[in-house]
Every structure is written in structure tokens, then in C-alpha cells.
Amino acid sequence: MANKFLVKLDEIQQEIKANNNKEILTIQDVCLMIGLSKSYIYRLTSERQIPHYKPLNKVIYFKRSEIELWIFKIESILLRNLKPNIIS
């Protein structure tokens, strides 16, 4: 059992390392990258809250650089909203 767990963990680590060099990401890549569920990412795309591409209305793709900028944008918004509550 422990051996299967270690093998699976090694597979996940290899996949993450392989995805670190990709500029074009799938929804699964984005889920791994930012730790959100697939359904929540789909919701964000349908509400146009996360940058994405959907060529020919098929599969959704993302640019790594745009997702990284989006993450920093979201973090800064959250921090700005938290600071007044911390001060008061």
C-alpha cells in the first residue's frame, strides 16, 4: 500500500515538473497550479473572471503568464480588503 502511494506521488511530482515549462495550459494544469477544483475553474471561465481561450468553442486553454498575473491580482485585491479589517 505504501509503495503504491509513493509511486503515485512520484508520478504527480513528475507531472508537475513537466507542466512547469508549459506556457499553454489545460484546465487540469490550472487546477494543479492554483489548487481549485475543475468545476470552480469552469465557473470562473463562464463568468469571464479568469483569462482563458476557447478556440472553436471546444477545449478551454490558458496562458501560464496570464494565470500567474491573475493570481497576483486576486491576492492584492484580497489583501487590500483585509487590511481595513485588521486595522480597525
PDB file of N, CA and C in Angstrom:
ATOM      1  N   MET A   1       0.825  -1.206   0.000  1.00  0.00           N
ATOM      2  CA  MET A   1       0.000   0.000   0.000  1.00  0.00           C
ATOM      3  C   MET A   1       0.860   1.256   0.000  1.00  0.00           C
ATOM      4  N   ALA A   2       1.846   1.303   0.903  1.00  0.00           N
ATOM      5  CA  ALA A   2       2.735   2.464   0.979  1.00  0.00           C
ATOM      6  C   ALA A   2       3.528   2.614  -0.306  1.00  0.00           C
ATOM      7  N   ASN A   3       3.903   1.487  -0.915  1.00  0.00           N
ATOM      8  CA  ASN A   3       4.666   1.527  -2.158  1.00  0.00           C
ATOM      9  C   ASN A   3       3.833   2.136  -3.286  1.00  0.00           C
ATOM     10  N   LYS A   4       2.554   1.770  -3.374  1.00  0.00           N
ATOM     11  CA  LYS A   4       1.665   2.343  -4.392  1.00  0.00           C
ATOM     12  C   LYS A   4       1.522   3.851  -4.195  1.00  0.00           C
ATOM     13  N   PHE A   5       1.426   4.248  -2.930  1.00  0.00           N
ATOM     14  CA  PHE A   5       1.313   5.669  -2.617  1.00  0.00           C
ATOM     15  C   PHE A   5       2.552   6.419  -3.086  1.00  0.00           C
ATOM     16  N   LEU A   6       3.737   5.862  -2.820  1.00  0.00           N
ATOM     17  CA  LEU A   6       4.987   6.510  -3.219  1.00  0.00           C
ATOM     18  C   LEU A   6       5.128   6.577  -4.737  1.00  0.00           C
ATOM     19  N   VAL A   7       4.688   5.545  -5.426  1.00  0.00           N
ATOM     20  CA  VAL A   7       4.733   5.542  -6.883  1.00  0.00           C
ATOM     21  C   VAL A   7       3.815   6.633  -7.434  1.00  0.00           C
ATOM     22  N   LYS A   8       2.599   6.719  -6.899  1.00  0.00           N
ATOM     23  CA  LYS A   8       1.637   7.738  -7.347  1.00  0.00           C
ATOM     24  C   LYS A   8       2.172   9.136  -7.046  1.00  0.00           C
ATOM     25  N   LEU A   9       2.759   9.322  -5.874  1.00  0.00           N
ATOM     26  CA  LEU A   9       3.333  10.612  -5.512  1.00  0.00           C
ATOM     27  C   LEU A   9       4.447  10.991  -6.478  1.00  0.00           C
ATOM     28  N   ASP A  10       5.282  10.037  -6.851  1.00  0.00           N
ATOM     29  CA  ASP A  10       6.357  10.290  -7.806  1.00  0.00           C
ATOM     30  C   ASP A  10       5.790  10.677  -9.168  1.00  0.00           C
ATOM     31  N   GLU A  11       4.713  10.018  -9.605  1.00  0.00           N
ATOM     32  CA  GLU A  11       4.068  10.358 -10.881  1.00  0.00           C
ATOM     33  C   GLU A  11       3.544  11.784 -10.860  1.00  0.00           C
ATOM     34  N   ILE A  12       2.929  12.182  -9.757  1.00  0.00           N
ATOM     35  CA  ILE A  12       2.387  13.538  -9.629  1.00  0.00           C
ATOM     36  C   ILE A  12       3.516  14.561  -9.665  1.00  0.00           C
ATOM     37  N   GLN A  13       4.609  14.274  -8.964  1.00  0.00           N
ATOM     38  CA  GLN A  13       5.751  15.193  -8.963  1.00  0.00           C
ATOM     39  C   GLN A  13       6.336  15.344 -10.362  1.00  0.00           C
ATOM     40  N   GLN A  14       6.437  14.252 -11.093  1.00  0.00           N
ATOM     41  CA  GLN A  14       6.965  14.315 -12.461  1.00  0.00           C
ATOM     42  C   GLN A  14       6.041  15.139 -13.359  1.00  0.00           C
ATOM     43  N   GLU A  15       4.749  14.966 -13.184  1.00  0.00           N
ATOM     44  CA  GLU A  15       3.778  15.733 -13.984  1.00  0.00           C
ATOM     45  C   GLU A  15       3.879  17.224 -13.681  1.00  0.00           C
ATOM     46  N   ILE A  16       4.023  17.559 -12.420  1.00  0.00           N
ATOM     47  CA  ILE A  16       4.151  18.967 -12.036  1.00  0.00           C
ATOM     48  C   ILE A  16       5.415  19.563 -12.635  1.00  0.00           C
ATOM     49  N   LYS A  17       6.518  18.830 -12.565  1.00  0.00           N
ATOM     50  CA  LYS A  17       7.773  19.319 -13.153  1.00  0.00           C
ATOM     51  C   LYS A  17       7.627  19.517 -14.657  1.00  0.00           C
ATOM     52  N   ALA A  18       6.968  18.602 -15.324  1.00  0.00           N
ATOM     53  CA  ALA A  18       6.770  18.712 -16.774  1.00  0.00           C
ATOM     54  C   ALA A  18       5.899  19.913 -17.119  1.00  0.00           C
ATOM     55  N   ASN A  19       4.894  20.189 -16.289  1.00  0.00           N
ATOM     56  CA  ASN A  19       3.981  21.298 -16.562  1.00  0.00           C
ATOM     57  C   ASN A  19       4.584  22.652 -16.242  1.00  0.00           C
ATOM     58  N   ASN A  20       5.646  22.702 -15.452  1.00  0.00           N
ATOM     59  CA  ASN A  20       6.258  23.981 -15.104  1.00  0.00           C
ATOM     60  C   ASN A  20       6.850  24.692 -16.304  1.00  0.00           C
ATOM     61  N   ASN A  21       7.138  23.966 -17.374  1.00  0.00           N
ATOM     62  CA  ASN A  21       7.744  24.569 -18.561  1.00  0.00           C
ATOM     63  C   ASN A  21       6.723  24.917 -19.633  1.00  0.00           C
ATOM     64  N   LYS A  22       5.477  24.495 -19.461  1.00  0.00           N
ATOM     65  CA  LYS A  22       4.451  24.737 -20.468  1.00  0.00           C
ATOM     66  C   LYS A  22       3.899  26.155 -20.351  1.00  0.00           C
ATOM     67  N   GLU A  23       3.752  26.828 -21.491  1.00  0.00           N
ATOM     68  CA  GLU A  23       3.122  28.150 -21.492  1.00  0.00           C
ATOM     69  C   GLU A  23       1.614  28.017 -21.704  1.00  0.00           C
ATOM     70  N   ILE A  24       1.193  27.054 -22.501  1.00  0.00           N
ATOM     71  CA  ILE A  24      -0.234  26.830 -22.746  1.00  0.00           C
ATOM     72  C   ILE A  24      -0.690  25.705 -21.824  1.00  0.00           C
ATOM     73  N   LEU A  25      -1.713  25.993 -21.023  1.00  0.00           N
ATOM     74  CA  LEU A  25      -2.175  25.058 -20.000  1.00  0.00           C
ATOM     75  C   LEU A  25      -3.593  24.591 -20.284  1.00  0.00           C
ATOM     76  N   THR A  26      -3.892  23.386 -19.847  1.00  0.00           N
ATOM     77  CA  THR A  26      -5.252  22.864 -19.886  1.00  0.00           C
ATOM     78  C   THR A  26      -5.922  23.194 -18.557  1.00  0.00           C
ATOM     79  N   ILE A  27      -7.185  22.897 -18.464  1.00  0.00           N
ATOM     80  CA  ILE A  27      -7.897  23.161 -17.215  1.00  0.00           C
ATOM     81  C   ILE A  27      -7.332  22.306 -16.072  1.00  0.00           C
ATOM     82  N   GLN A  28      -6.891  21.084 -16.392  1.00  0.00           N
ATOM     83  CA  GLN A  28      -6.284  20.232 -15.368  1.00  0.00           C
ATOM     84  C   GLN A  28      -4.975  20.845 -14.854  1.00  0.00           C
ATOM     85  N   ASP A  29      -4.191  21.416 -15.764  1.00  0.00           N
ATOM     86  CA  ASP A  29      -2.946  22.076 -15.367  1.00  0.00           C
ATOM     87  C   ASP A  29      -3.224  23.243 -14.420  1.00  0.00           C
ATOM     88  N   VAL A  30      -4.248  24.028 -14.749  1.00  0.00           N
ATOM     89  CA  VAL A  30      -4.593  25.182 -13.918  1.00  0.00           C
ATOM     90  C   VAL A  30      -5.087  24.722 -12.551  1.00  0.00           C
ATOM     91  N   CYS A  31      -5.867  23.668 -12.511  1.00  0.00           N
ATOM     92  CA  CYS A  31      -6.335  23.120 -11.226  1.00  0.00           C
ATOM     93  C   CYS A  31      -5.154  22.758 -10.337  1.00  0.00           C
ATOM     94  N   LEU A  32      -4.167  22.062 -10.901  1.00  0.00           N
ATOM     95  CA  LEU A  32      -2.969  21.706 -10.137  1.00  0.00           C
ATOM     96  C   LEU A  32      -2.182  22.938  -9.717  1.00  0.00           C
ATOM     97  N   MET A  33      -2.104  23.897 -10.618  1.00  0.00           N
ATOM     98  CA  MET A  33      -1.290  25.089 -10.379  1.00  0.00           C
ATOM     99  C   MET A  33      -1.834  25.938  -9.239  1.00  0.00           C
ATOM    100  N   ILE A  34      -3.142  26.144  -9.214  1.00  0.00           N
ATOM    101  CA  ILE A  34      -3.687  27.075  -8.223  1.00  0.00           C
ATOM    102  C   ILE A  34      -4.540  26.405  -7.150  1.00  0.00           C
ATOM    103  N   GLY A  35      -4.744  25.099  -7.264  1.00  0.00           N
ATOM    104  CA  GLY A  35      -5.416  24.373  -6.198  1.00  0.00           C
ATOM    105  C   GLY A  35      -6.924  24.570  -6.121  1.00  0.00           C
ATOM    106  N   LEU A  36      -7.547  24.853  -7.253  1.00  0.00           N
ATOM    107  CA  LEU A  36      -9.001  24.987  -7.288  1.00  0.00           C
ATOM    108  C   LEU A  36      -9.598  23.814  -8.059  1.00  0.00           C
ATOM    109  N   SER A  37     -10.847  23.520  -7.799  1.00  0.00           N
ATOM    110  CA  SER A  37     -11.494  22.390  -8.475  1.00  0.00           C
ATOM    111  C   SER A  37     -11.799  22.737  -9.932  1.00  0.00           C
ATOM    112  N   LYS A  38     -11.958  21.695 -10.721  1.00  0.00           N
ATOM    113  CA  LYS A  38     -12.278  21.861 -12.134  1.00  0.00           C
ATOM    114  C   LYS A  38     -13.601  22.599 -12.312  1.00  0.00           C
ATOM    115  N   SER A  39     -14.584  22.260 -11.495  1.00  0.00           N
ATOM    116  CA  SER A  39     -15.901  22.914 -11.631  1.00  0.00           C
ATOM    117  C   SER A  39     -15.810  24.402 -11.306  1.00  0.00           C
ATOM    118  N   TYR A  40     -14.973  24.746 -10.326  1.00  0.00           N
ATOM    119  CA  TYR A  40     -14.830  26.169  -9.979  1.00  0.00           C
ATOM    120  C   TYR A  40     -14.105  26.926 -11.082  1.00  0.00           C
ATOM    121  N   ILE A  41     -13.103  26.304 -11.697  1.00  0.00           N
ATOM    122  CA  ILE A  41     -12.412  26.939 -12.828  1.00  0.00           C
ATOM    123  C   ILE A  41     -13.387  27.144 -13.980  1.00  0.00           C
ATOM    124  N   TYR A  42     -14.221  26.144 -14.262  1.00  0.00           N
ATOM    125  CA  TYR A  42     -15.246  26.303 -15.305  1.00  0.00           C
ATOM    126  C   TYR A  42     -16.174  27.470 -14.985  1.00  0.00           C
ATOM    127  N   ARG A  43     -16.560  27.597 -13.729  1.00  0.00           N
ATOM    128  CA  ARG A  43     -17.428  28.709 -13.324  1.00  0.00           C
ATOM    129  C   ARG A  43     -16.741  30.052 -13.562  1.00  0.00           C
ATOM    130  N   LEU A  44     -15.457  30.130 -13.188  1.00  0.00           N
ATOM    131  CA  LEU A  44     -14.710  31.372 -13.399  1.00  0.00           C
ATOM    132  C   LEU A  44     -14.608  31.726 -14.882  1.00  0.00           C
ATOM    133  N   THR A  45     -14.451  30.708 -15.731  1.00  0.00           N
ATOM    134  CA  THR A  45     -14.380  30.986 -17.169  1.00  0.00           C
ATOM    135  C   THR A  45     -15.736  31.431 -17.706  1.00  0.00           C
ATOM    136  N   SER A  46     -16.800  30.794 -17.251  1.00  0.00           N
ATOM    137  CA  SER A  46     -18.130  31.176 -17.749  1.00  0.00           C
ATOM    138  C   SER A  46     -18.516  32.580 -17.300  1.00  0.00           C
ATOM    139  N   GLU A  47     -17.998  33.002 -16.145  1.00  0.00           N
ATOM    140  CA  GLU A  47     -18.258  34.358 -15.650  1.00  0.00           C
ATOM    141  C   GLU A  47     -17.206  35.350 -16.140  1.00  0.00           C
ATOM    142  N   ARG A  48     -16.273  34.868 -16.960  1.00  0.00           N
ATOM    143  CA  ARG A  48     -15.193  35.682 -17.526  1.00  0.00           C
ATOM    144  C   ARG A  48     -14.349  36.366 -16.450  1.00  0.00           C
ATOM    145  N   GLN A  49     -14.107  35.647 -15.360  1.00  0.00           N
ATOM    146  CA  GLN A  49     -13.313  36.185 -14.258  1.00  0.00           C
ATOM    147  C   GLN A  49     -11.856  35.745 -14.312  1.00  0.00           C
ATOM    148  N   ILE A  50     -11.537  34.791 -15.173  1.00  0.00           N
ATOM    149  CA  ILE A  50     -10.176  34.288 -15.308  1.00  0.00           C
ATOM    150  C   ILE A  50      -9.830  34.300 -16.806  1.00  0.00           C
ATOM    151  N   PRO A  51      -8.626  34.748 -17.151  1.00  0.00           N
ATOM    152  CA  PRO A  51      -8.274  34.794 -18.577  1.00  0.00           C
ATOM    153  C   PRO A  51      -8.172  33.385 -19.159  1.00  0.00           C
ATOM    154  N   HIS A  52      -8.807  33.190 -20.306  1.00  0.00           N
ATOM    155  CA  HIS A  52      -8.809  31.879 -20.944  1.00  0.00           C
ATOM    156  C   HIS A  52      -9.095  32.019 -22.430  1.00  0.00           C
ATOM    157  N   TYR A  53      -8.884  30.934 -23.152  1.00  0.00           N
ATOM    158  CA  TYR A  53      -9.130  30.873 -24.587  1.00  0.00           C
ATOM    159  C   TYR A  53      -9.933  29.618 -24.879  1.00  0.00           C
ATOM    160  N   LYS A  54     -10.862  29.754 -25.810  1.00  0.00           N
ATOM    161  CA  LYS A  54     -11.710  28.624 -26.175  1.00  0.00           C
ATOM    162  C   LYS A  54     -11.852  28.610 -27.698  1.00  0.00           C
ATOM    163  N   PRO A  55     -10.783  28.173 -28.381  1.00  0.00           N
ATOM    164  CA  PRO A  55     -10.832  28.190 -29.849  1.00  0.00           C
ATOM    165  C   PRO A  55     -11.911  27.249 -30.387  1.00  0.00           C
ATOM    166  N   LEU A  56     -12.661  27.744 -31.331  1.00  0.00           N
ATOM    167  CA  LEU A  56     -13.735  26.974 -31.980  1.00  0.00           C
ATOM    168  C   LEU A  56     -14.761  26.443 -30.989  1.00  0.00           C
ATOM    169  N   ASN A  57     -14.913  27.123 -29.854  1.00  0.00           N
ATOM    170  CA  ASN A  57     -15.857  26.726 -28.808  1.00  0.00           C
ATOM    171  C   ASN A  57     -15.669  25.282 -28.367  1.00  0.00           C
ATOM    172  N   LYS A  58     -14.434  24.866 -28.258  1.00  0.00           N
ATOM    173  CA  LYS A  58     -14.134  23.490 -27.840  1.00  0.00           C
ATOM    174  C   LYS A  58     -13.437  23.519 -26.489  1.00  0.00           C
ATOM    175  N   VAL A  59     -12.222  23.021 -26.443  1.00  0.00           N
ATOM    176  CA  VAL A  59     -11.451  22.886 -25.207  1.00  0.00           C
ATOM    177  C   VAL A  59     -10.974  24.253 -24.720  1.00  0.00           C
ATOM    178  N   ILE A  60     -10.959  24.436 -23.406  1.00  0.00           N
ATOM    179  CA  ILE A  60     -10.500  25.690 -22.797  1.00  0.00           C
ATOM    180  C   ILE A  60      -9.000  25.599 -22.559  1.00  0.00           C
ATOM    181  N   TYR A  61      -8.287  26.667 -22.957  1.00  0.00           N
ATOM    182  CA  TYR A  61      -6.850  26.761 -22.732  1.00  0.00           C
ATOM    183  C   TYR A  61      -6.539  28.036 -21.961  1.00  0.00           C
ATOM    184  N   PHE A  62      -5.390  28.033 -21.313  1.00  0.00           N
ATOM    185  CA  PHE A  62      -4.937  29.177 -20.520  1.00  0.00           C
ATOM    186  C   PHE A  62      -3.478  29.441 -20.833  1.00  0.00           C
ATOM    187  N   LYS A  63      -3.046  30.709 -20.721  1.00  0.00           N
ATOM    188  CA  LYS A  63      -1.629  31.042 -20.821  1.00  0.00           C
ATOM    189  C   LYS A  63      -1.073  31.143 -19.405  1.00  0.00           C
ATOM    190  N   ARG A  64       0.024  30.435 -19.169  1.00  0.00           N
ATOM    191  CA  ARG A  64       0.636  30.425 -17.834  1.00  0.00           C
ATOM    192  C   ARG A  64       0.893  31.849 -17.336  1.00  0.00           C
ATOM    193  N   SER A  65       1.462  32.688 -18.175  1.00  0.00           N
ATOM    194  CA  SER A  65       1.803  34.051 -17.751  1.00  0.00           C
ATOM    195  C   SER A  65       0.557  34.833 -17.330  1.00  0.00           C
ATOM    196  N   GLU A  66      -0.553  34.645 -18.040  1.00  0.00           N
ATOM    197  CA  GLU A  66      -1.794  35.340 -17.686  1.00  0.00           C
ATOM    198  C   GLU A  66      -2.376  34.803 -16.378  1.00  0.00           C
ATOM    199  N   ILE A  67      -2.271  33.506 -16.149  1.00  0.00           N
ATOM    200  CA  ILE A  67      -2.771  32.929 -14.899  1.00  0.00           C
ATOM    201  C   ILE A  67      -1.933  33.419 -13.725  1.00  0.00           C
ATOM    202  N   GLU A  68      -0.622  33.484 -13.906  1.00  0.00           N
ATOM    203  CA  GLU A  68       0.242  33.983 -12.831  1.00  0.00           C
ATOM    204  C   GLU A  68      -0.096  35.435 -12.491  1.00  0.00           C
ATOM    205  N   LEU A  69      -0.309  36.267 -13.507  1.00  0.00           N
ATOM    206  CA  LEU A  69      -0.715  37.659 -13.255  1.00  0.00           C
ATOM    207  C   LEU A  69      -2.072  37.721 -12.568  1.00  0.00           C
ATOM    208  N   TRP A  70      -3.004  36.877 -12.983  1.00  0.00           N
ATOM    209  CA  TRP A  70      -4.337  36.833 -12.388  1.00  0.00           C
ATOM    210  C   TRP A  70      -4.250  36.470 -10.907  1.00  0.00           C
ATOM    211  N   ILE A  71      -3.377  35.508 -10.578  1.00  0.00           N
ATOM    212  CA  ILE A  71      -3.206  35.107  -9.182  1.00  0.00           C
ATOM    213  C   ILE A  71      -2.726  36.294  -8.350  1.00  0.00           C
ATOM    214  N   PHE A  72      -1.723  37.024  -8.847  1.00  0.00           N
ATOM    215  CA  PHE A  72      -1.213  38.186  -8.112  1.00  0.00           C
ATOM    216  C   PHE A  72      -2.272  39.272  -7.975  1.00  0.00           C
ATOM    217  N   LYS A  73      -3.080  39.444  -9.010  1.00  0.00           N
ATOM    218  CA  LYS A  73      -4.156  40.435  -8.971  1.00  0.00           C
ATOM    219  C   LYS A  73      -5.175  40.079  -7.884  1.00  0.00           C
ATOM    220  N   ILE A  74      -5.586  38.819  -7.850  1.00  0.00           N
ATOM    221  CA  ILE A  74      -6.554  38.354  -6.857  1.00  0.00           C
ATOM    222  C   ILE A  74      -5.981  38.505  -5.445  1.00  0.00           C
ATOM    223  N   GLU A  75      -4.714  38.123  -5.273  1.00  0.00           N
ATOM    224  CA  GLU A  75      -4.077  38.237  -3.951  1.00  0.00           C
ATOM    225  C   GLU A  75      -4.040  39.688  -3.486  1.00  0.00           C
ATOM    226  N   SER A  76      -3.702  40.616  -4.386  1.00  0.00           N
ATOM    227  CA  SER A  76      -3.626  42.018  -3.981  1.00  0.00           C
ATOM    228  C   SER A  76      -5.000  42.569  -3.622  1.00  0.00           C
ATOM    229  N   ILE A  77      -6.033  42.133  -4.337  1.00  0.00           N
ATOM    230  CA  ILE A  77      -7.403  42.565  -4.016  1.00  0.00           C
ATOM    231  C   ILE A  77      -7.799  42.045  -2.635  1.00  0.00           C
ATOM    232  N   LEU A  78      -7.490  40.785  -2.369  1.00  0.00           N
ATOM    233  CA  LEU A  78      -7.821  40.206  -1.066  1.00  0.00           C
ATOM    234  C   LEU A  78      -7.079  40.921   0.062  1.00  0.00           C
ATOM    235  N   LEU A  79      -5.807  41.205  -0.153  1.00  0.00           N
ATOM    236  CA  LEU A  79      -5.028  41.896   0.882  1.00  0.00           C
ATOM    237  C   LEU A  79      -5.564  43.302   1.139  1.00  0.00           C
ATOM    238  N   ARG A  80      -5.939  44.015   0.076  1.00  0.00           N
ATOM    239  CA  ARG A  80      -6.493  45.369   0.254  1.00  0.00           C
ATOM    240  C   ARG A  80      -7.786  45.319   1.047  1.00  0.00           C
ATOM    241  N   ASN A  81      -8.593  44.296   0.803  1.00  0.00           N
ATOM    242  CA  ASN A  81      -9.866  44.170   1.511  1.00  0.00           C
ATOM    243  C   ASN A  81      -9.674  43.745   2.961  1.00  0.00           C
ATOM    244  N   LEU A  82      -8.602  43.023   3.257  1.00  0.00           N
ATOM    245  CA  LEU A  82      -8.353  42.555   4.614  1.00  0.00           C
ATOM    246  C   LEU A  82      -7.723  43.628   5.492  1.00  0.00           C
ATOM    247  N   LYS A  83      -6.886  44.497   4.929  1.00  0.00           N
ATOM    248  CA  LYS A  83      -6.166  45.480   5.731  1.00  0.00           C
ATOM    249  C   LYS A  83      -7.065  46.383   6.555  1.00  0.00           C
ATOM    250  N   PRO A  84      -8.153  46.950   5.996  1.00  0.00           N
ATOM    251  CA  PRO A  84      -9.013  47.788   6.853  1.00  0.00           C
ATOM    252  C   PRO A  84      -9.594  47.028   8.036  1.00  0.00           C
ATOM    253  N   ASN A  85      -9.905  45.759   7.856  1.00  0.00           N
ATOM    254  CA  ASN A  85     -10.465  44.955   8.938  1.00  0.00           C
ATOM    255  C   ASN A  85      -9.421  44.675  10.011  1.00  0.00           C
ATOM    256  N   ILE A  86      -8.171  44.521   9.596  1.00  0.00           N
ATOM    257  CA  ILE A  86      -7.104  44.263  10.564  1.00  0.00           C
ATOM    258  C   ILE A  86      -6.806  45.497  11.393  1.00  0.00           C
ATOM    259  N   ILE A  87      -6.827  46.667  10.763  1.00  0.00           N
ATOM    260  CA  ILE A  87      -6.512  47.922  11.444  1.00  0.00           C
ATOM    261  C   ILE A  87      -7.606  48.285  12.435  1.00  0.00           C
ATOM    262  N   SER A  88      -8.865  48.096  12.088  1.00  0.00           N
ATOM    263  CA  SER A  88      -9.952  48.500  12.993  1.00  0.00           C
ATOM    264  C   SER A  88     -10.159  47.574  14.139  1.00  0.00           C
TER     265      SER A  88
END
